[in-house]
């Protein structure tokens, strides 16, 4: 393994391994990734490698942060894993029937390849799947729902976004209220309806 930093304003760090390379974007690089999509971002970086005597890796992995102290084989381990499909959990607070989860949207989320290749945003159906899964883990609620109500998408979730997912269970009505937000900015909200015991 070796570590080489191509002369590109979008590249903060790179770690090379036999299976490929891991790249941490600069803030400018993250902006380009959000604007252009993963494929165009990597094509632009790939073009600079031959000028440094470097081969284009077969596999690229993009990361949100660089490990401060890492084992020597961390790059190979990461490259052997599939790209993420879930938001990264940074922290949480659970209080009775409510919970607030701090999440980061991975820059290398698999679903960005198809939604959309040139304008990566988290699909609405994936946001709902995360709500169902996180609710089930914390409150034992079902992993599927009968109906989605009052659904609003106000702002797209993009690579690298950090947001709070707020959950509030209404057990009497068999509902889960949710919203994704950061400070005063709302991204999406709605409520999930399960079948009540008296129905």
C-alpha atoms as a PDB file:
ATOM      1  CA  UNK A   1       0.000   0.000   0.000  1.00  0.00           C
ATOM      2  CA  UNK A   2       1.035   3.567  -0.536  1.00  0.00           C
ATOM      3  CA  UNK A   3      -0.424   6.985   0.026  1.00  0.00           C
ATOM      4  CA  UNK A   4      -0.132   9.536  -2.762  1.00  0.00           C
ATOM      5  CA  UNK A   5      -1.988  12.820  -3.008  1.00  0.00           C
ATOM      6  CA  UNK A   6      -2.828  13.769  -6.607  1.00  0.00           C
ATOM      7  CA  UNK A   7      -2.634  17.469  -7.361  1.00  0.00           C
ATOM      8  CA  UNK A   8      -6.364  18.040  -7.608  1.00  0.00           C
ATOM      9  CA  UNK A   9      -8.434  20.610  -5.675  1.00  0.00           C
ATOM     10  CA  UNK A  10     -11.156  18.022  -5.039  1.00  0.00           C
ATOM     11  CA  UNK A  11      -8.843  15.550  -3.263  1.00  0.00           C
ATOM     12  CA  UNK A  12      -7.975  15.941   0.426  1.00  0.00           C
ATOM     13  CA  UNK A  13      -6.587  12.454   1.067  1.00  0.00           C
ATOM     14  CA  UNK A  14      -6.120   9.224  -0.880  1.00  0.00           C
ATOM     15  CA  UNK A  15      -5.155   5.777   0.340  1.00  0.00           C
ATOM     16  CA  UNK A  16      -4.171   3.156  -2.225  1.00  0.00           C
ATOM     17  CA  UNK A  17      -4.566  -0.598  -1.776  1.00  0.00           C
ATOM     18  CA  UNK A  18      -4.400  -3.639  -4.037  1.00  0.00           C
ATOM     19  CA  UNK A  19      -8.188  -3.678  -4.416  1.00  0.00           C
ATOM     20  CA  UNK A  20      -8.545   0.018  -5.222  1.00  0.00           C
ATOM     21  CA  UNK A  21      -8.318   3.436  -3.601  1.00  0.00           C
ATOM     22  CA  UNK A  22     -10.117   5.411  -0.907  1.00  0.00           C
ATOM     23  CA  UNK A  23     -10.642   9.129  -1.376  1.00  0.00           C
ATOM     24  CA  UNK A  24     -11.639  11.885   1.031  1.00  0.00           C
ATOM     25  CA  UNK A  25     -13.012  14.912  -0.878  1.00  0.00           C
ATOM     26  CA  UNK A  26     -12.106  18.471   0.016  1.00  0.00           C
ATOM     27  CA  UNK A  27     -15.028  20.843   0.710  1.00  0.00           C
ATOM     28  CA  UNK A  28     -14.702  21.925  -2.936  1.00  0.00           C
ATOM     29  CA  UNK A  29     -14.706  18.282  -3.952  1.00  0.00           C
ATOM     30  CA  UNK A  30     -17.836  17.557  -1.911  1.00  0.00           C
ATOM     31  CA  UNK A  31     -19.553  20.463  -3.623  1.00  0.00           C
ATOM     32  CA  UNK A  32     -18.548  19.043  -7.013  1.00  0.00           C
ATOM     33  CA  UNK A  33     -19.751  15.576  -6.034  1.00  0.00           C
ATOM     34  CA  UNK A  34     -23.150  16.964  -5.027  1.00  0.00           C
ATOM     35  CA  UNK A  35     -23.351  19.009  -8.228  1.00  0.00           C
ATOM     36  CA  UNK A  36     -22.059  16.467 -10.759  1.00  0.00           C
ATOM     37  CA  UNK A  37     -22.604  13.027  -9.265  1.00  0.00           C
ATOM     38  CA  UNK A  38     -20.126  10.278  -8.396  1.00  0.00           C
ATOM     39  CA  UNK A  39     -19.234   9.185 -11.939  1.00  0.00           C
ATOM     40  CA  UNK A  40     -18.343  12.641 -13.244  1.00  0.00           C
ATOM     41  CA  UNK A  41     -16.496  13.453 -10.019  1.00  0.00           C
ATOM     42  CA  UNK A  42     -14.294  10.349 -10.307  1.00  0.00           C
ATOM     43  CA  UNK A  43     -13.736  10.797 -14.033  1.00  0.00           C
ATOM     44  CA  UNK A  44     -12.315  14.260 -13.344  1.00  0.00           C
ATOM     45  CA  UNK A  45      -9.988  12.868 -10.667  1.00  0.00           C
ATOM     46  CA  UNK A  46      -8.983   9.892 -12.850  1.00  0.00           C
ATOM     47  CA  UNK A  47      -7.729  12.234 -15.581  1.00  0.00           C
ATOM     48  CA  UNK A  48      -5.038  13.642 -13.278  1.00  0.00           C
ATOM     49  CA  UNK A  49      -3.563  10.292 -12.228  1.00  0.00           C
ATOM     50  CA  UNK A  50      -1.470   9.429 -15.324  1.00  0.00           C
ATOM     51  CA  UNK A  51       0.305  12.775 -15.045  1.00  0.00           C
ATOM     52  CA  UNK A  52       1.538  11.590 -11.626  1.00  0.00           C
ATOM     53  CA  UNK A  53       2.561   8.168 -12.917  1.00  0.00           C
ATOM     54  CA  UNK A  54      -0.418   6.564 -11.196  1.00  0.00           C
ATOM     55  CA  UNK A  55      -2.779   3.953 -12.548  1.00  0.00           C
ATOM     56  CA  UNK A  56      -6.515   4.492 -12.363  1.00  0.00           C
ATOM     57  CA  UNK A  57      -7.823   2.138  -9.633  1.00  0.00           C
ATOM     58  CA  UNK A  58     -10.430  -0.487 -10.465  1.00  0.00           C
ATOM     59  CA  UNK A  59     -12.475   0.506  -7.427  1.00  0.00           C
ATOM     60  CA  UNK A  60     -12.944   3.853  -5.728  1.00  0.00           C
ATOM     61  CA  UNK A  61     -14.483   4.327  -2.289  1.00  0.00           C
ATOM     62  CA  UNK A  62     -15.404   7.821  -1.094  1.00  0.00           C
ATOM     63  CA  UNK A  63     -15.404   8.599   2.621  1.00  0.00           C
ATOM     64  CA  UNK A  64     -16.731  11.406   4.818  1.00  0.00           C
ATOM     65  CA  UNK A  65     -13.803  11.468   7.241  1.00  0.00           C
ATOM     66  CA  UNK A  66     -10.256  10.158   7.492  1.00  0.00           C
ATOM     67  CA  UNK A  67      -9.382   7.866  10.418  1.00  0.00           C
ATOM     68  CA  UNK A  68      -7.089   9.557  12.925  1.00  0.00           C
ATOM     69  CA  UNK A  69      -5.435   6.331  13.998  1.00  0.00           C
ATOM     70  CA  UNK A  70      -6.029   3.387  11.756  1.00  0.00           C
ATOM     71  CA  UNK A  71      -4.789  -0.151  11.464  1.00  0.00           C
ATOM     72  CA  UNK A  72      -2.520  -0.866   8.522  1.00  0.00           C
ATOM     73  CA  UNK A  73      -5.152  -2.929   6.723  1.00  0.00           C
ATOM     74  CA  UNK A  74      -8.083  -0.515   7.161  1.00  0.00           C
ATOM     75  CA  UNK A  75      -8.121   0.397   3.470  1.00  0.00           C
ATOM     76  CA  UNK A  76      -8.282  -3.214   2.317  1.00  0.00           C
ATOM     77  CA  UNK A  77     -11.020  -3.936   4.858  1.00  0.00           C
ATOM     78  CA  UNK A  78     -13.104  -0.986   3.681  1.00  0.00           C
ATOM     79  CA  UNK A  79     -12.644  -1.828   0.009  1.00  0.00           C
ATOM     80  CA  UNK A  80     -13.813  -5.391   0.675  1.00  0.00           C
ATOM     81  CA  UNK A  81     -17.108  -4.138   2.110  1.00  0.00           C
ATOM     82  CA  UNK A  82     -20.095  -3.069   0.008  1.00  0.00           C
ATOM     83  CA  UNK A  83     -20.811   0.632  -0.274  1.00  0.00           C
ATOM     84  CA  UNK A  84     -23.239   1.912   2.392  1.00  0.00           C
ATOM     85  CA  UNK A  85     -27.014   1.823   1.991  1.00  0.00           C
ATOM     86  CA  UNK A  86     -27.849   3.366   5.376  1.00  0.00           C
ATOM     87  CA  UNK A  87     -27.359   6.771   6.942  1.00  0.00           C
ATOM     88  CA  UNK A  88     -24.531   6.843   9.482  1.00  0.00           C
ATOM     89  CA  UNK A  89     -25.766   7.179  13.076  1.00  0.00           C
ATOM     90  CA  UNK A  90     -23.757   9.877  14.862  1.00  0.00           C
ATOM     91  CA  UNK A  91     -25.766   9.944  18.087  1.00  0.00           C
ATOM     92  CA  UNK A  92     -29.251   9.639  19.514  1.00  0.00           C
ATOM     93  CA  UNK A  93     -31.558  10.557  22.370  1.00  0.00           C
ATOM     94  CA  UNK A  94     -34.536   8.349  23.236  1.00  0.00           C
ATOM     95  CA  UNK A  95     -37.198   9.522  25.672  1.00  0.00           C
ATOM     96  CA  UNK A  96     -40.330   7.430  26.112  1.00  0.00           C
ATOM     97  CA  UNK A  97     -42.241   7.503  22.832  1.00  0.00           C
ATOM     98  CA  UNK A  98     -39.842   9.902  21.166  1.00  0.00           C
ATOM     99  CA  UNK A  99     -36.345   9.783  19.741  1.00  0.00           C
ATOM    100  CA  UNK A 100     -33.966  12.165  17.977  1.00  0.00           C
ATOM    101  CA  UNK A 101     -31.245  10.609  15.852  1.00  0.00           C
ATOM    102  CA  UNK A 102     -28.296  12.522  14.441  1.00  0.00           C
ATOM    103  CA  UNK A 103     -27.509  11.130  10.990  1.00  0.00           C
ATOM    104  CA  UNK A 104     -24.951  11.747   8.272  1.00  0.00           C
ATOM    105  CA  UNK A 105     -25.718  10.877   4.646  1.00  0.00           C
ATOM    106  CA  UNK A 106     -22.704   8.924   3.335  1.00  0.00           C
ATOM    107  CA  UNK A 107     -20.980  10.517   0.351  1.00  0.00           C
ATOM    108  CA  UNK A 108     -20.684   7.036  -1.194  1.00  0.00           C
ATOM    109  CA  UNK A 109     -24.292   5.894  -0.665  1.00  0.00           C
ATOM    110  CA  UNK A 110     -25.121   3.162  -3.194  1.00  0.00           C
ATOM    111  CA  UNK A 111     -28.514   4.608  -4.085  1.00  0.00           C
ATOM    112  CA  UNK A 112     -26.921   7.777  -5.486  1.00  0.00           C
ATOM    113  CA  UNK A 113     -25.832   5.769  -8.541  1.00  0.00           C
ATOM    114  CA  UNK A 114     -29.417   5.595  -9.774  1.00  0.00           C
ATOM    115  CA  UNK A 115     -31.076   8.485  -7.920  1.00  0.00           C
ATOM    116  CA  UNK A 116     -29.675  10.335  -9.693  1.00  0.00           C
ATOM    117  CA  UNK A 117     -26.328   9.748 -11.448  1.00  0.00           C
ATOM    118  CA  UNK A 118     -25.844  13.455 -12.204  1.00  0.00           C
ATOM    119  CA  UNK A 119     -27.735  14.920  -9.220  1.00  0.00           C
ATOM    120  CA  UNK A 120     -27.436  12.633  -6.183  1.00  0.00           C
ATOM    121  CA  UNK A 121     -30.322  12.898  -3.703  1.00  0.00           C
ATOM    122  CA  UNK A 122     -31.666  10.398  -1.163  1.00  0.00           C
ATOM    123  CA  UNK A 123     -34.830   8.791  -2.590  1.00  0.00           C
ATOM    124  CA  UNK A 124     -38.021   9.468  -0.662  1.00  0.00           C
ATOM    125  CA  UNK A 125     -38.758   5.755  -0.412  1.00  0.00           C
ATOM    126  CA  UNK A 126     -35.346   5.236   1.211  1.00  0.00           C
ATOM    127  CA  UNK A 127     -36.053   7.978   3.754  1.00  0.00           C
ATOM    128  CA  UNK A 128     -39.259   6.134   4.680  1.00  0.00           C
ATOM    129  CA  UNK A 129     -37.394   2.811   4.899  1.00  0.00           C
ATOM    130  CA  UNK A 130     -34.907   4.383   7.324  1.00  0.00           C
ATOM    131  CA  UNK A 131     -37.799   5.669   9.470  1.00  0.00           C
ATOM    132  CA  UNK A 132     -39.404   2.210   9.564  1.00  0.00           C
ATOM    133  CA  UNK A 133     -36.132   0.468  10.409  1.00  0.00           C
ATOM    134  CA  UNK A 134     -35.032   2.955  13.087  1.00  0.00           C
ATOM    135  CA  UNK A 135     -38.516   2.981  14.647  1.00  0.00           C
ATOM    136  CA  UNK A 136     -38.602  -0.813  14.780  1.00  0.00           C
ATOM    137  CA  UNK A 137     -35.191  -0.922  16.467  1.00  0.00           C
ATOM    138  CA  UNK A 138     -36.163   1.551  19.187  1.00  0.00           C
ATOM    139  CA  UNK A 139     -39.882   1.010  19.723  1.00  0.00           C
ATOM    140  CA  UNK A 140     -40.592  -2.471  18.397  1.00  0.00           C
ATOM    141  CA  UNK A 141     -42.944  -1.094  15.743  1.00  0.00           C
ATOM    142  CA  UNK A 142     -43.605  -2.979  12.474  1.00  0.00           C
ATOM    143  CA  UNK A 143     -41.075  -2.762   9.664  1.00  0.00           C
ATOM    144  CA  UNK A 144     -43.872  -2.102   7.151  1.00  0.00           C
ATOM    145  CA  UNK A 145     -46.818   0.277   7.297  1.00  0.00           C
ATOM    146  CA  UNK A 146     -50.313   0.393   5.849  1.00  0.00           C
ATOM    147  CA  UNK A 147     -50.335   4.028   4.818  1.00  0.00           C
ATOM    148  CA  UNK A 148     -48.151   7.138   4.660  1.00  0.00           C
ATOM    149  CA  UNK A 149     -49.920  10.370   5.587  1.00  0.00           C
ATOM    150  CA  UNK A 150     -49.101  14.082   5.386  1.00  0.00           C
ATOM    151  CA  UNK A 151     -45.912  13.342   3.447  1.00  0.00           C
ATOM    152  CA  UNK A 152     -43.880  16.406   2.505  1.00  0.00           C
ATOM    153  CA  UNK A 153     -40.479  16.668   0.833  1.00  0.00           C
ATOM    154  CA  UNK A 154     -39.280  20.246   1.247  1.00  0.00           C
ATOM    155  CA  UNK A 155     -35.547  19.950   0.634  1.00  0.00           C
ATOM    156  CA  UNK A 156     -33.418  17.153  -0.861  1.00  0.00           C
ATOM    157  CA  UNK A 157     -30.986  15.168   1.276  1.00  0.00           C
ATOM    158  CA  UNK A 158     -27.589  15.230  -0.431  1.00  0.00           C
ATOM    159  CA  UNK A 159     -24.198  13.519   0.009  1.00  0.00           C
ATOM    160  CA  UNK A 160     -22.549  14.558   3.272  1.00  0.00           C
ATOM    161  CA  UNK A 161     -25.638  16.205   4.789  1.00  0.00           C
ATOM    162  CA  UNK A 162     -25.974  15.942   8.558  1.00  0.00           C
ATOM    163  CA  UNK A 163     -29.563  15.963   9.813  1.00  0.00           C
ATOM    164  CA  UNK A 164     -31.689  15.044  12.795  1.00  0.00           C
ATOM    165  CA  UNK A 165     -34.386  12.425  12.360  1.00  0.00           C
ATOM    166  CA  UNK A 166     -37.117  13.010  14.950  1.00  0.00           C
ATOM    167  CA  UNK A 167     -39.513  10.158  15.710  1.00  0.00           C
ATOM    168  CA  UNK A 168     -42.658  10.352  17.848  1.00  0.00           C
ATOM    169  CA  UNK A 169     -44.816   7.301  18.386  1.00  0.00           C
ATOM    170  CA  UNK A 170     -48.575   7.620  18.870  1.00  0.00           C
ATOM    171  CA  UNK A 171     -49.343   4.132  20.153  1.00  0.00           C
ATOM    172  CA  UNK A 172     -53.087   4.785  20.559  1.00  0.00           C
ATOM    173  CA  UNK A 173     -53.454   5.690  16.881  1.00  0.00           C
ATOM    174  CA  UNK A 174     -50.769   3.246  15.677  1.00  0.00           C
ATOM    175  CA  UNK A 175     -48.805   6.062  14.050  1.00  0.00           C
ATOM    176  CA  UNK A 176     -45.221   7.219  13.853  1.00  0.00           C
ATOM    177  CA  UNK A 177     -44.643  10.911  13.200  1.00  0.00           C
ATOM    178  CA  UNK A 178     -41.256  11.775  11.723  1.00  0.00           C
ATOM    179  CA  UNK A 179     -39.281  14.627  10.282  1.00  0.00           C
ATOM    180  CA  UNK A 180     -35.777  15.127   8.965  1.00  0.00           C
ATOM    181  CA  UNK A 181     -34.394  18.562   9.806  1.00  0.00           C
ATOM    182  CA  UNK A 182     -31.262  20.509  10.592  1.00  0.00           C
ATOM    183  CA  UNK A 183     -31.652  23.482  12.891  1.00  0.00           C
ATOM    184  CA  UNK A 184     -34.664  25.295  11.445  1.00  0.00           C
ATOM    185  CA  UNK A 185     -34.391  23.745   7.982  1.00  0.00           C
ATOM    186  CA  UNK A 186     -36.981  21.055   7.250  1.00  0.00           C
ATOM    187  CA  UNK A 187     -36.063  18.344   4.743  1.00  0.00           C
ATOM    188  CA  UNK A 188     -39.044  16.001   4.920  1.00  0.00           C
ATOM    189  CA  UNK A 189     -41.825  14.961   7.262  1.00  0.00           C
ATOM    190  CA  UNK A 190     -44.908  12.787   7.524  1.00  0.00           C
ATOM    191  CA  UNK A 191     -46.469  10.017   9.529  1.00  0.00           C
ATOM    192  CA  UNK A 192     -46.684   6.283   9.099  1.00  0.00           C
ATOM    193  CA  UNK A 193     -49.934   4.499   9.872  1.00  0.00           C
ATOM    194  CA  UNK A 194     -50.090   0.898  11.033  1.00  0.00           C
ATOM    195  CA  UNK A 195     -53.223  -1.195  11.423  1.00  0.00           C
ATOM    196  CA  UNK A 196     -54.743  -0.579  14.841  1.00  0.00           C
ATOM    197  CA  UNK A 197     -55.819  -3.458  17.049  1.00  0.00           C
ATOM    198  CA  UNK A 198     -59.488  -2.311  16.914  1.00  0.00           C
ATOM    199  CA  UNK A 199     -59.588  -2.291  13.080  1.00  0.00           C
END
